[in-house]
Amino acid sequence: MPALTSTYLNPSAAPTAATGPNQNTVVVTLTPGDTLDTALITTAFGLSSSELTAGWPNVSIEPILPSAQGANWTLTSSAADFVFLTKNNSTASGSTTPQIRVKVSRPHSIVR
């Protein structure tokens, strides 16, 4: 089976320590390979432990293909500079087109 493919849409590549602080939202599409695929999405937001405890970053999982809902994608963990998502079912495994769009957002300056 093919491996999971992550495609960064905004920005067009994974943020770095230099670019992450200027990025408010990271948008990525995921094309699944096998069951139990795990995706690491780099944000380089540099969130503090209090922001993580408060529930940041905000992660939105949007299905692109109808089969995405049955794939049961879940947020596995969050950290200062990345999030992990896991695909828990074999639905649409080996897809050749993106299955979901993920938007990861940092806290707005008003709530920081």
C-alpha atoms as a PDB file:
ATOM      1  CA  MET A   1       0.000   0.000   0.000  1.00  0.00           C
ATOM      2  CA  PRO A   2       1.194   3.559  -0.580  1.00  0.00           C
ATOM      3  CA  ALA A   3       2.336   5.715   2.300  1.00  0.00           C
ATOM      4  CA  LEU A   4       0.338   8.628   3.635  1.00  0.00           C
ATOM      5  CA  THR A   5       0.872  11.855   1.662  1.00  0.00           C
ATOM      6  CA  SER A   6       0.666  15.253   3.365  1.00  0.00           C
ATOM      7  CA  THR A   7       0.339  18.278   1.084  1.00  0.00           C
ATOM      8  CA  TYR A   8       0.779  21.723   2.616  1.00  0.00           C
ATOM      9  CA  LEU A   9      -1.577  24.247   0.996  1.00  0.00           C
ATOM     10  CA  ASN A  10      -0.991  27.249   3.259  1.00  0.00           C
ATOM     11  CA  PRO A  11       1.882  27.739   3.586  1.00  0.00           C
ATOM     12  CA  SER A  12       3.084  25.673   0.635  1.00  0.00           C
ATOM     13  CA  ALA A  13       5.656  23.846   2.792  1.00  0.00           C
ATOM     14  CA  ALA A  14       5.889  22.884   6.446  1.00  0.00           C
ATOM     15  CA  PRO A  15       6.561  25.964   8.583  1.00  0.00           C
ATOM     16  CA  THR A  16       9.960  26.323  10.224  1.00  0.00           C
ATOM     17  CA  ALA A  17      11.026  27.975  13.476  1.00  0.00           C
ATOM     18  CA  ALA A  18      11.679  31.120  11.427  1.00  0.00           C
ATOM     19  CA  THR A  19       8.322  31.176   9.569  1.00  0.00           C
ATOM     20  CA  GLY A  20       5.982  29.567  12.127  1.00  0.00           C
ATOM     21  CA  PRO A  21       5.576  32.627  14.374  1.00  0.00           C
ATOM     22  CA  ASN A  22       4.215  34.569  11.372  1.00  0.00           C
ATOM     23  CA  GLN A  23       1.713  31.846  10.446  1.00  0.00           C
ATOM     24  CA  ASN A  24      -1.744  31.877  12.061  1.00  0.00           C
ATOM     25  CA  THR A  25      -3.216  28.845  10.293  1.00  0.00           C
ATOM     26  CA  VAL A  26      -1.670  25.825   8.591  1.00  0.00           C
ATOM     27  CA  VAL A  27      -3.796  24.046   5.973  1.00  0.00           C
ATOM     28  CA  VAL A  28      -2.873  20.522   4.847  1.00  0.00           C
ATOM     29  CA  THR A  29      -4.577  17.801   2.805  1.00  0.00           C
ATOM     30  CA  LEU A  30      -4.000  14.151   3.669  1.00  0.00           C
ATOM     31  CA  THR A  31      -4.107  11.298   1.193  1.00  0.00           C
ATOM     32  CA  PRO A  32      -4.183   8.031   3.159  1.00  0.00           C
ATOM     33  CA  GLY A  33      -2.071   4.994   2.543  1.00  0.00           C
ATOM     34  CA  ASP A  34      -2.857   2.180   4.987  1.00  0.00           C
ATOM     35  CA  THR A  35      -5.177   1.673   7.923  1.00  0.00           C
ATOM     36  CA  LEU A  36      -3.879   3.366  11.065  1.00  0.00           C
ATOM     37  CA  ASP A  37      -1.967   5.980   9.106  1.00  0.00           C
ATOM     38  CA  THR A  38      -0.548   8.650  11.379  1.00  0.00           C
ATOM     39  CA  ALA A  39       0.078  12.151  10.095  1.00  0.00           C
ATOM     40  CA  LEU A  40       2.460  14.626  11.682  1.00  0.00           C
ATOM     41  CA  ILE A  41       1.469  18.189  10.770  1.00  0.00           C
ATOM     42  CA  THR A  42       4.160  20.732  11.559  1.00  0.00           C
ATOM     43  CA  THR A  43       2.942  24.145  12.676  1.00  0.00           C
ATOM     44  CA  ALA A  44       6.038  25.673  14.329  1.00  0.00           C
ATOM     45  CA  PHE A  45       3.620  27.852  16.338  1.00  0.00           C
ATOM     46  CA  GLY A  46       5.719  27.585  19.487  1.00  0.00           C
ATOM     47  CA  LEU A  47       2.653  27.349  21.746  1.00  0.00           C
ATOM     48  CA  SER A  48       3.187  27.630  25.489  1.00  0.00           C
ATOM     49  CA  SER A  49       2.181  24.914  27.936  1.00  0.00           C
ATOM     50  CA  SER A  50      -0.676  27.126  29.176  1.00  0.00           C
ATOM     51  CA  GLU A  51      -1.983  27.506  25.594  1.00  0.00           C
ATOM     52  CA  LEU A  52      -1.833  23.720  25.119  1.00  0.00           C
ATOM     53  CA  THR A  53      -3.642  23.209  28.445  1.00  0.00           C
ATOM     54  CA  ALA A  54      -6.302  25.691  27.308  1.00  0.00           C
ATOM     55  CA  GLY A  55      -7.045  23.500  24.265  1.00  0.00           C
ATOM     56  CA  TRP A  56      -4.932  25.133  21.548  1.00  0.00           C
ATOM     57  CA  PRO A  57      -4.211  24.720  18.745  1.00  0.00           C
ATOM     58  CA  ASN A  58      -7.656  24.526  17.173  1.00  0.00           C
ATOM     59  CA  VAL A  59      -7.758  21.577  14.737  1.00  0.00           C
ATOM     60  CA  SER A  60     -10.488  21.294  12.107  1.00  0.00           C
ATOM     61  CA  ILE A  61     -10.833  18.070  10.066  1.00  0.00           C
ATOM     62  CA  GLU A  62     -12.894  18.549   6.895  1.00  0.00           C
ATOM     63  CA  PRO A  63     -13.851  15.565   4.722  1.00  0.00           C
ATOM     64  CA  ILE A  64     -13.109  15.983   1.023  1.00  0.00           C
ATOM     65  CA  LEU A  65     -14.212  12.489  -0.056  1.00  0.00           C
ATOM     66  CA  PRO A  66     -17.449  10.897   1.231  1.00  0.00           C
ATOM     67  CA  SER A  67     -15.398   7.934   2.487  1.00  0.00           C
ATOM     68  CA  ALA A  68     -13.472  10.220   4.859  1.00  0.00           C
ATOM     69  CA  GLN A  69     -16.211  10.067   7.488  1.00  0.00           C
ATOM     70  CA  GLY A  70     -15.928   6.292   7.724  1.00  0.00           C
ATOM     71  CA  ALA A  71     -12.152   6.520   7.978  1.00  0.00           C
ATOM     72  CA  ASN A  72     -12.541   7.928  11.491  1.00  0.00           C
ATOM     73  CA  TRP A  73      -9.671  10.439  11.538  1.00  0.00           C
ATOM     74  CA  THR A  74      -8.894  11.605  15.077  1.00  0.00           C
ATOM     75  CA  LEU A  75      -6.554  14.094  16.689  1.00  0.00           C
ATOM     76  CA  THR A  76      -4.044  11.904  18.524  1.00  0.00           C
ATOM     77  CA  SER A  77      -1.974  14.602  20.228  1.00  0.00           C
ATOM     78  CA  SER A  78      -0.944  18.251  20.150  1.00  0.00           C
ATOM     79  CA  ALA A  79       2.376  19.861  20.996  1.00  0.00           C
ATOM     80  CA  ALA A  80       3.943  23.319  20.788  1.00  0.00           C
ATOM     81  CA  ASP A  81       5.018  22.893  17.159  1.00  0.00           C
ATOM     82  CA  PHE A  82       2.951  20.054  15.662  1.00  0.00           C
ATOM     83  CA  VAL A  83      -0.177  17.892  15.837  1.00  0.00           C
ATOM     84  CA  PHE A  84      -0.661  14.178  15.165  1.00  0.00           C
ATOM     85  CA  LEU A  85      -3.756  12.750  13.458  1.00  0.00           C
ATOM     86  CA  THR A  86      -4.560   9.050  13.079  1.00  0.00           C
ATOM     87  CA  LYS A  87      -6.786   7.274  10.556  1.00  0.00           C
ATOM     88  CA  ASN A  88      -8.491   4.510  12.540  1.00  0.00           C
ATOM     89  CA  ASN A  89     -10.324   2.506   9.838  1.00  0.00           C
ATOM     90  CA  SER A  90      -9.391   1.046   6.467  1.00  0.00           C
ATOM     91  CA  THR A  91     -12.031   3.088   4.605  1.00  0.00           C
ATOM     92  CA  ALA A  92     -10.448   4.679   1.526  1.00  0.00           C
ATOM     93  CA  SER A  93      -7.014   3.246   2.261  1.00  0.00           C
ATOM     94  CA  GLY A  94      -4.686   3.584  -0.681  1.00  0.00           C
ATOM     95  CA  SER A  95      -6.601   6.562  -2.006  1.00  0.00           C
ATOM     96  CA  THR A  96      -4.908   8.525  -4.780  1.00  0.00           C
ATOM     97  CA  THR A  97      -6.734  11.768  -4.016  1.00  0.00           C
ATOM     98  CA  PRO A  98      -6.791  13.778  -0.787  1.00  0.00           C
ATOM     99  CA  GLN A  99      -9.340  12.438   1.683  1.00  0.00           C
ATOM    100  CA  ILE A 100      -9.391  15.246   4.255  1.00  0.00           C
ATOM    101  CA  ARG A 101      -8.359  18.872   4.676  1.00  0.00           C
ATOM    102  CA  VAL A 102      -6.908  19.801   8.063  1.00  0.00           C
ATOM    103  CA  LYS A 103      -6.762  23.367   9.362  1.00  0.00           C
ATOM    104  CA  VAL A 104      -4.634  24.016  12.430  1.00  0.00           C
ATOM    105  CA  SER A 105      -4.950  27.484  13.972  1.00  0.00           C
ATOM    106  CA  ARG A 106      -3.073  29.218  16.767  1.00  0.00           C
ATOM    107  CA  PRO A 107      -4.822  31.352  19.394  1.00  0.00           C
ATOM    108  CA  HIS A 108      -5.610  34.838  18.161  1.00  0.00           C
ATOM    109  CA  SER A 109      -3.635  37.646  19.779  1.00  0.00           C
ATOM    110  CA  ILE A 110      -6.777  38.770  21.631  1.00  0.00           C
ATOM    111  CA  VAL A 111      -6.872  35.512  23.630  1.00  0.00           C
ATOM    112  CA  ARG A 112      -3.113  35.026  23.995  1.00  0.00           C
END
